[in-house]
Structure formats: C-alpha cells, structure tokens
Amino acid sequence: MTGTAPQHTRPEETRETEGVDGGVGLTALLVAAARAIETHRDDSLAQDVHAEHFVRAAPACADWPVRIEQVPDGDGNPLWGRFARYFGLRTRVLDDFLLGAVRTGARQVVLLGAGLDTRAYRLEWPSGCVVYEIDRDGVLAFKHRVLAELSATARAERVPVPVDLRGDWVTALTGAGFDPAAPTAWLAEGLLFYLPAPAETYLVDTVDRLSARGSALAFEAKLEKDLLDYRDSAIYTATRQQIGIDLLQLFDKGPRPDSAGRLAATGWSTATHTPFDFTRRHGRGPLPEPNDALEGNRWVFAHRTRE
C-alpha cells in the first residue's frame, strides 16, 4: 500500500500492511498459506498452527485456502497443490537442518529475511538458544501483532531485528546481542533469488566473516540460465492468475554467483541438493515435470569446518 493512510487507520497498522501486502512481502503470505495447507494434511511434513492466522489477518489474502480441501481441484492445482507441497517440504528440510545445527553446538540461530517464519515458536530448541529474526520493520510488526493476539509463546529466546537487509544489518544484529565468536546456524530461506548477484555475494561474505568454526548455513538458490524460459510453466502461471503474484517480476534475472563455491574456498564444507532429492527421501513432495519452474532450484547446506 502507498499513499496517505485513511483517518481510521492507526499508523502501526499501515506500517504492518506495507510490510506484507505487496511485492516480496506478499510472498511471505503465500508461503504461510502453503504451511497452513501442509499442517492440515494427513501426511504432513511440517506443522505450523500459526500459519493460517497470518493468512486470515492480511486483507490481501483473506480468501486464500488454508486447507487442501478448500481448493476445488485439490492437489491437481499447480499453486495450492504442487507448489504448496514444495514449501511444505522445504519447511521440513530446513527445520531438520537447524535442529541438527543446534544439536551439534550452535546456540545462535539467525533467520535472514525471516518473513513470517515461526520456528522460534514451533520447534523444540535446547536450553539457551537464541533466535534472531532479521526483516523489515513492517513484516516483523505484522507477525508480532498476529502472534500476540494468539498469546503464542516462543520456545527459545526470540530477538526481532527490524532492519532491511539492504541496510546495515550487521550493526543491528550485533547491537541486539549476536556474538560473532560463537557458532551460529544461519538460514536464508527463499531470499537470495530476489537479490542482485553483488548483494548475494555481499551477504554470503558477511555470513562467512561473522561465523565461528562450528557454524552452519542453509540457503536456497535458483540456477536456471534464463528464468523467462519458464514464464508459461504451470506454477508461475497459476501463481499469477490465481493470486496476482508474478514471481518472475520479483526474482532478479541476472547471472547467479557461485556462493557454494565461494564458501568452500573459505573453510566451509558444502552439499547441494535438488528438492526432488528430499521428495524421494521423505516419500512425498514434488517430482520433476516438463517445463518445470522448480528445475533450477537448489538447496545448499554449508558447515564451517575450519577458521
């Protein structure tokens, strides 16, 4: 939303709406709706009881489905079936990654571009764990309001860090209590492909600089040579037509850097997987199809093994 707020709208409500009701912020609501659908499946891969409340709280998506039974063509729908199942699988895999990192010693978790992530509330964290959530003020304010209305209780110390990742987020993070000398679990979920290549490289280099030995990083990348080759794919077409989000307008279309290789050169061990690898591992999720918008998606897992 832009322009002057109506007289009956509180300033904080306008700030929240600006955070999630347009652009990349709206994609956070798409992922929340997908998590809600996943939560209610009989064969659910991940549970997020808060997700549907975000969807219902935002005017832009108040009529979106939060259960697959609310979708007329069910799992045959490319958006609320296959794409939503992709987000459910991604949630599960990254949940497992973060819990694995804290089991091996990390006590700081940093969510880069946290969006409507509720991991601080729904995962079983060990004692002393701190979850830092970095995102724009409007996004975090909207999330805080919805969770406060639910009387939700975090299972770790949750520290919101309201700053745009295009700004000085390092100063904001360290000012919030982050300790670069301690092992950290970092997550950039659904973030990097919105950034120009130099911004991705800066972010990855900064994570490297702030990471002690024993730290871990997971991020999602897209490796297609030309994203526009998939403009008429079932997923992108359904997302445009059904909810008005043109993902290809939001994604950066320039060449992508080799962030995994960059990390490997500075003391990290890395592993790169397709989402389909985890579909096969878990026995559910998307599999390859012709003209597949997911074909270039990669999930990268890195561990700092030396200084």
Protein backbone atom coordinates (compact mmCIF):
# COMPACT_ATOMS: atom_id res chain seq x y z
CA MET A 1 0.00 0.00 0.00
CA THR A 2 1.20 3.50 -0.73
CA GLY A 3 -0.09 7.00 -0.17
CA THR A 4 -1.66 8.53 2.90
CA ALA A 5 -3.39 6.22 5.35
CA PRO A 6 -7.16 6.72 5.87
CA GLN A 7 -8.05 8.61 9.00
CA HIS A 8 -9.44 5.49 10.68
CA THR A 9 -6.20 3.50 10.22
CA ARG A 10 -3.67 3.50 13.04
CA PRO A 11 -0.09 4.30 11.92
CA GLU A 12 1.17 0.94 13.17
CA GLU A 13 -1.49 -0.86 11.07
CA THR A 14 -0.35 1.00 7.97
CA ARG A 15 3.27 0.07 8.73
CA GLU A 16 2.31 -3.60 9.10
CA THR A 17 0.26 -3.66 5.91
CA GLU A 18 3.09 -2.09 3.96
CA GLY A 19 5.24 -4.97 5.17
CA VAL A 20 3.22 -7.89 3.79
CA ASP A 21 0.54 -6.68 1.40
CA GLY A 22 2.68 -6.19 -1.68
CA GLY A 23 5.84 -7.18 -3.53
CA VAL A 24 8.18 -9.63 -1.86
CA GLY A 25 6.23 -9.20 1.41
CA LEU A 26 3.20 -10.80 -0.20
CA THR A 27 5.23 -13.91 -0.98
CA ALA A 28 5.66 -14.40 2.79
CA LEU A 29 1.88 -14.78 2.97
CA LEU A 30 1.95 -17.25 0.08
CA VAL A 31 4.45 -19.40 2.00
CA ALA A 32 2.35 -19.06 5.17
CA ALA A 33 -0.72 -20.31 3.29
CA ALA A 34 1.32 -23.24 1.98
CA ARG A 35 2.47 -24.08 5.52
CA ALA A 36 -1.14 -23.95 6.70
CA ILE A 37 -2.19 -26.38 3.97
CA GLU A 38 0.72 -28.66 4.85
CA THR A 39 -0.20 -28.55 8.53
CA HIS A 40 -3.69 -29.91 7.87
CA ARG A 41 -2.60 -32.76 5.58
CA ASP A 42 -2.92 -36.31 6.87
CA ASP A 43 0.67 -36.94 5.72
CA SER A 44 2.02 -33.58 6.87
CA LEU A 45 5.76 -32.98 6.67
CA ALA A 46 5.71 -29.92 8.93
CA GLN A 47 3.35 -28.43 11.48
CA ASP A 48 2.73 -24.69 11.85
CA VAL A 49 -0.50 -23.95 13.70
CA HIS A 50 0.14 -20.20 13.45
CA ALA A 51 0.39 -20.02 9.66
CA GLU A 52 -3.32 -19.80 8.82
CA HIS A 53 -3.74 -16.90 11.24
CA PHE A 54 -1.30 -14.79 9.21
CA VAL A 55 -3.32 -15.52 6.09
CA ARG A 56 -6.60 -14.54 7.71
CA ALA A 57 -5.14 -11.38 9.27
CA ALA A 58 -3.99 -9.80 5.98
CA PRO A 59 -6.65 -8.29 3.69
CA ALA A 60 -4.65 -9.19 0.57
CA CYS A 61 -5.13 -12.93 1.13
CA ALA A 62 -8.17 -13.29 3.37
CA ASP A 63 -9.83 -15.61 0.83
CA TRP A 64 -6.83 -17.83 0.15
CA PRO A 65 -7.16 -21.51 1.11
CA VAL A 66 -5.55 -22.86 4.27
CA ARG A 67 -6.62 -26.49 3.71
CA ILE A 68 -6.28 -28.52 0.54
CA GLU A 69 -10.00 -29.38 0.85
CA GLN A 70 -10.77 -25.72 0.16
CA VAL A 71 -9.15 -25.97 -3.30
CA PRO A 72 -11.66 -27.17 -5.95
CA ASP A 73 -9.08 -29.24 -7.86
CA GLY A 74 -7.12 -30.18 -4.74
CA ASP A 75 -3.61 -31.46 -5.38
CA GLY A 76 -4.21 -31.02 -9.10
CA ASN A 77 -3.92 -27.27 -8.58
CA PRO A 78 -0.36 -26.23 -9.54
CA LEU A 79 -0.27 -23.46 -6.93
CA TRP A 80 -2.05 -24.86 -3.87
CA GLY A 81 -1.19 -28.46 -4.69
CA ARG A 82 2.31 -28.91 -6.12
CA PHE A 83 3.83 -25.53 -5.20
CA ALA A 84 2.40 -25.54 -1.69
CA ARG A 85 3.73 -29.06 -1.20
CA TYR A 86 7.15 -27.76 -2.27
CA PHE A 87 7.04 -25.16 0.50
CA GLY A 88 5.94 -27.81 2.98
CA LEU A 89 8.89 -29.99 2.02
CA ARG A 90 11.28 -27.04 2.21
CA THR A 91 10.00 -26.18 5.67
CA ARG A 92 10.64 -29.71 6.91
CA VAL A 93 14.12 -29.97 5.41
CA LEU A 94 15.23 -26.62 6.83
CA ASP A 95 13.67 -27.42 10.21
CA ASP A 96 15.80 -30.55 10.30
CA PHE A 97 18.89 -28.58 9.28
CA LEU A 98 18.52 -26.01 12.06
CA LEU A 99 17.77 -28.59 14.73
CA GLY A 100 20.79 -30.57 13.61
CA ALA A 101 22.98 -27.47 13.90
CA VAL A 102 21.89 -26.70 17.46
CA ARG A 103 22.28 -30.35 18.46
CA THR A 104 25.94 -30.09 17.48
CA GLY A 105 26.63 -26.94 19.47
CA ALA A 106 25.20 -23.81 17.86
CA ARG A 107 23.14 -21.72 20.27
CA GLN A 108 22.56 -18.74 17.98
CA VAL A 109 20.15 -19.00 15.05
CA VAL A 110 19.89 -16.16 12.55
CA LEU A 111 16.98 -16.06 10.11
CA LEU A 112 17.93 -13.76 7.23
CA GLY A 113 14.78 -12.28 5.72
CA ALA A 114 12.73 -14.08 8.35
CA GLY A 115 9.34 -13.14 6.95
CA LEU A 116 6.54 -14.97 8.75
CA ASP A 117 8.83 -17.75 9.99
CA THR A 118 7.56 -19.20 13.29
CA ARG A 119 10.39 -21.61 14.07
CA ALA A 120 11.08 -19.82 17.35
CA TYR A 121 7.56 -20.88 18.42
CA ARG A 122 7.12 -24.35 16.97
CA LEU A 123 10.47 -26.17 17.14
CA GLU A 124 11.96 -27.85 20.20
CA TRP A 125 15.03 -25.75 20.93
CA PRO A 126 17.69 -26.66 23.51
CA SER A 127 18.10 -24.51 26.59
CA GLY A 128 19.93 -21.25 26.00
CA CYS A 129 19.13 -20.99 22.30
CA VAL A 130 18.55 -17.52 20.82
CA VAL A 131 16.71 -16.99 17.51
CA TYR A 132 17.41 -13.67 15.76
CA GLU A 133 14.85 -12.70 13.12
CA ILE A 134 16.05 -10.12 10.60
CA ASP A 135 13.48 -8.46 8.36
CA ARG A 136 11.84 -5.16 7.60
CA ASP A 137 10.01 -3.47 10.44
CA GLY A 138 6.59 -3.79 8.81
CA VAL A 139 6.88 -7.54 8.34
CA LEU A 140 8.01 -8.14 11.92
CA ALA A 141 5.34 -5.80 13.30
CA PHE A 142 2.60 -7.71 11.46
CA LYS A 143 3.94 -11.03 12.73
CA HIS A 144 4.21 -9.73 16.28
CA ARG A 145 0.62 -8.49 16.28
CA VAL A 146 -0.82 -11.77 15.00
CA LEU A 147 1.21 -13.92 17.40
CA ALA A 148 0.39 -11.62 20.34
CA GLU A 149 -3.33 -11.96 19.58
CA LEU A 150 -2.85 -15.74 19.71
CA SER A 151 -0.92 -15.49 23.01
CA ALA A 152 1.77 -17.56 21.31
CA THR A 153 4.80 -18.41 23.42
CA ALA A 154 8.28 -18.74 21.95
CA ARG A 155 10.27 -21.90 22.78
CA ALA A 156 13.59 -20.06 22.56
CA GLU A 157 14.66 -16.52 23.24
CA ARG A 158 13.35 -14.67 20.18
CA VAL A 159 15.06 -11.42 19.19
CA PRO A 160 13.46 -9.46 16.32
CA VAL A 161 15.97 -7.33 14.41
CA PRO A 162 13.94 -4.82 12.38
CA VAL A 163 16.27 -3.79 9.57
CA ASP A 164 16.25 -4.04 5.79
CA LEU A 165 18.95 -6.41 4.55
CA ARG A 166 19.95 -3.68 2.10
CA GLY A 167 20.96 -1.59 5.13
CA ASP A 168 23.49 -2.04 7.93
CA TRP A 169 22.04 -5.24 9.30
CA VAL A 170 25.34 -6.31 10.86
CA THR A 171 25.35 -3.38 13.28
CA ALA A 172 21.69 -4.04 14.06
CA LEU A 173 22.34 -7.74 14.67
CA THR A 174 25.40 -7.28 16.88
CA GLY A 175 23.61 -4.49 18.71
CA ALA A 176 20.82 -6.97 19.50
CA GLY A 177 23.28 -9.29 21.25
CA PHE A 178 24.64 -11.52 18.47
CA ASP A 179 28.14 -12.88 19.23
CA PRO A 180 30.34 -13.48 16.15
CA ALA A 181 32.70 -15.61 18.27
CA ALA A 182 30.03 -18.23 18.96
CA PRO A 183 28.88 -20.93 16.48
CA THR A 184 25.77 -19.85 14.59
CA ALA A 185 23.10 -21.56 12.48
CA TRP A 186 22.21 -19.24 9.59
CA LEU A 187 19.20 -19.59 7.30
CA ALA A 188 18.39 -17.73 4.08
CA GLU A 189 15.11 -19.37 3.07
CA GLY A 190 13.54 -18.10 -0.14
CA LEU A 191 15.70 -14.98 -0.11
CA LEU A 192 18.73 -14.96 -2.37
CA PHE A 193 17.00 -15.16 -5.74
CA TYR A 194 15.35 -11.79 -5.08
CA LEU A 195 18.79 -10.18 -4.70
CA PRO A 196 21.15 -8.98 -7.44
CA ALA A 197 24.31 -11.08 -7.63
CA PRO A 198 26.54 -8.50 -5.87
CA ALA A 199 24.07 -8.30 -2.97
CA GLU A 200 24.04 -12.10 -2.65
CA THR A 201 27.83 -12.19 -2.65
CA TYR A 202 28.00 -9.46 -0.01
CA LEU A 203 25.52 -11.31 2.20
CA VAL A 204 27.34 -14.64 1.89
CA ASP A 205 30.72 -12.98 2.52
CA THR A 206 29.28 -11.24 5.57
CA VAL A 207 27.92 -14.51 6.96
CA ASP A 208 31.36 -16.01 6.40
CA ARG A 209 33.00 -13.12 8.28
CA LEU A 210 30.59 -13.43 11.22
CA SER A 211 30.79 -17.23 11.52
CA ALA A 212 32.96 -19.03 14.05
CA ARG A 213 34.09 -22.60 13.50
CA GLY A 214 31.12 -24.92 14.02
CA SER A 215 28.68 -22.57 12.29
CA ALA A 216 26.26 -23.75 9.61
CA LEU A 217 24.39 -22.05 6.77
CA ALA A 218 21.49 -23.20 4.59
CA PHE A 219 20.20 -21.24 1.62
CA GLU A 220 18.09 -21.69 -1.45
CA ALA A 221 19.34 -20.82 -4.94
CA LYS A 222 17.97 -20.86 -8.48
CA LEU A 223 20.35 -21.94 -11.23
CA GLU A 224 18.30 -21.58 -14.43
CA LYS A 225 20.20 -19.95 -17.28
CA ASP A 226 17.12 -17.93 -18.23
CA LEU A 227 14.21 -17.69 -15.79
CA LEU A 228 11.93 -16.36 -18.52
CA ASP A 229 12.12 -19.74 -20.26
CA TYR A 230 9.69 -20.91 -17.56
CA ARG A 231 7.26 -17.99 -17.73
CA ASP A 232 4.44 -20.22 -19.01
CA SER A 233 5.17 -23.05 -16.55
CA ALA A 234 2.20 -24.33 -14.58
CA ILE A 235 3.45 -22.96 -11.23
CA TYR A 236 4.26 -19.43 -12.40
CA THR A 237 1.08 -19.21 -14.48
CA ALA A 238 -1.16 -20.37 -11.62
CA THR A 239 0.52 -18.00 -9.15
CA ARG A 240 -0.04 -15.03 -11.48
CA GLN A 241 -3.59 -15.91 -12.38
CA GLN A 242 -4.93 -17.12 -9.03
CA ILE A 243 -3.37 -14.67 -6.55
CA GLY A 244 -1.79 -11.97 -8.71
CA ILE A 245 1.85 -12.61 -7.74
CA ASP A 246 4.23 -12.53 -10.70
CA LEU A 247 7.27 -14.20 -9.20
CA LEU A 248 9.36 -13.62 -12.31
CA GLN A 249 8.90 -9.88 -11.88
CA LEU A 250 10.24 -10.17 -8.33
CA PHE A 251 13.19 -12.50 -8.96
CA ASP A 252 16.49 -10.99 -10.04
CA LYS A 253 17.16 -12.20 -13.59
CA GLY A 254 20.92 -11.65 -13.72
CA PRO A 255 23.52 -14.42 -13.64
CA ARG A 256 23.84 -16.02 -10.21
CA PRO A 257 27.13 -16.21 -8.29
CA ASP A 258 28.65 -19.50 -7.18
CA SER A 259 28.01 -18.92 -3.48
CA ALA A 260 28.59 -22.57 -2.57
CA GLY A 261 31.99 -22.48 -4.26
CA ARG A 262 32.83 -19.21 -2.54
CA LEU A 263 32.10 -20.75 0.85
CA ALA A 264 34.09 -23.89 0.06
CA ALA A 265 37.10 -21.69 -0.69
CA THR A 266 36.97 -20.10 2.76
CA GLY A 267 36.76 -23.14 5.00
CA TRP A 268 33.21 -24.47 4.64
CA SER A 269 32.12 -27.94 3.57
CA THR A 270 29.12 -27.69 1.24
CA ALA A 271 26.47 -30.02 -0.15
CA THR A 272 23.99 -29.05 -2.86
CA HIS A 273 20.72 -30.88 -3.45
CA THR A 274 17.63 -30.60 -5.60
CA PRO A 275 14.28 -30.51 -3.80
CA PHE A 276 13.47 -33.75 -5.59
CA ASP A 277 16.24 -35.47 -3.62
CA PHE A 278 14.21 -34.83 -0.47
CA THR A 279 10.92 -35.75 -2.11
CA ARG A 280 12.39 -39.18 -2.68
CA ARG A 281 13.82 -39.29 0.85
CA HIS A 282 10.52 -38.40 2.55
CA GLY A 283 8.24 -40.18 0.11
CA ARG A 284 6.16 -37.08 -0.67
CA GLY A 285 6.62 -33.73 -2.36
CA PRO A 286 7.09 -32.54 -5.95
CA LEU A 287 8.85 -34.62 -8.60
CA PRO A 288 10.23 -33.30 -11.91
CA GLU A 289 7.81 -32.47 -14.69
CA PRO A 290 8.10 -30.88 -18.16
CA ASN A 291 8.66 -27.09 -18.26
CA ASP A 292 9.27 -27.19 -14.53
CA ALA A 293 9.67 -23.92 -12.63
CA LEU A 294 11.41 -25.90 -9.88
CA GLU A 295 14.02 -27.41 -12.20
CA GLY A 296 16.76 -24.95 -11.24
CA ASN A 297 16.04 -24.81 -7.52
CA ARG A 298 18.88 -25.94 -5.28
CA TRP A 299 19.16 -26.23 -1.51
CA VAL A 300 22.70 -25.65 -0.24
CA PHE A 301 23.94 -26.77 3.17
CA ALA A 302 27.28 -25.50 4.42
CA HIS A 303 29.25 -26.14 7.61
CA ARG A 304 32.29 -24.18 8.73
CA THR A 305 34.88 -26.81 9.45
CA ARG A 306 37.94 -24.57 9.83
CA GLU A 307 38.74 -20.93 10.60
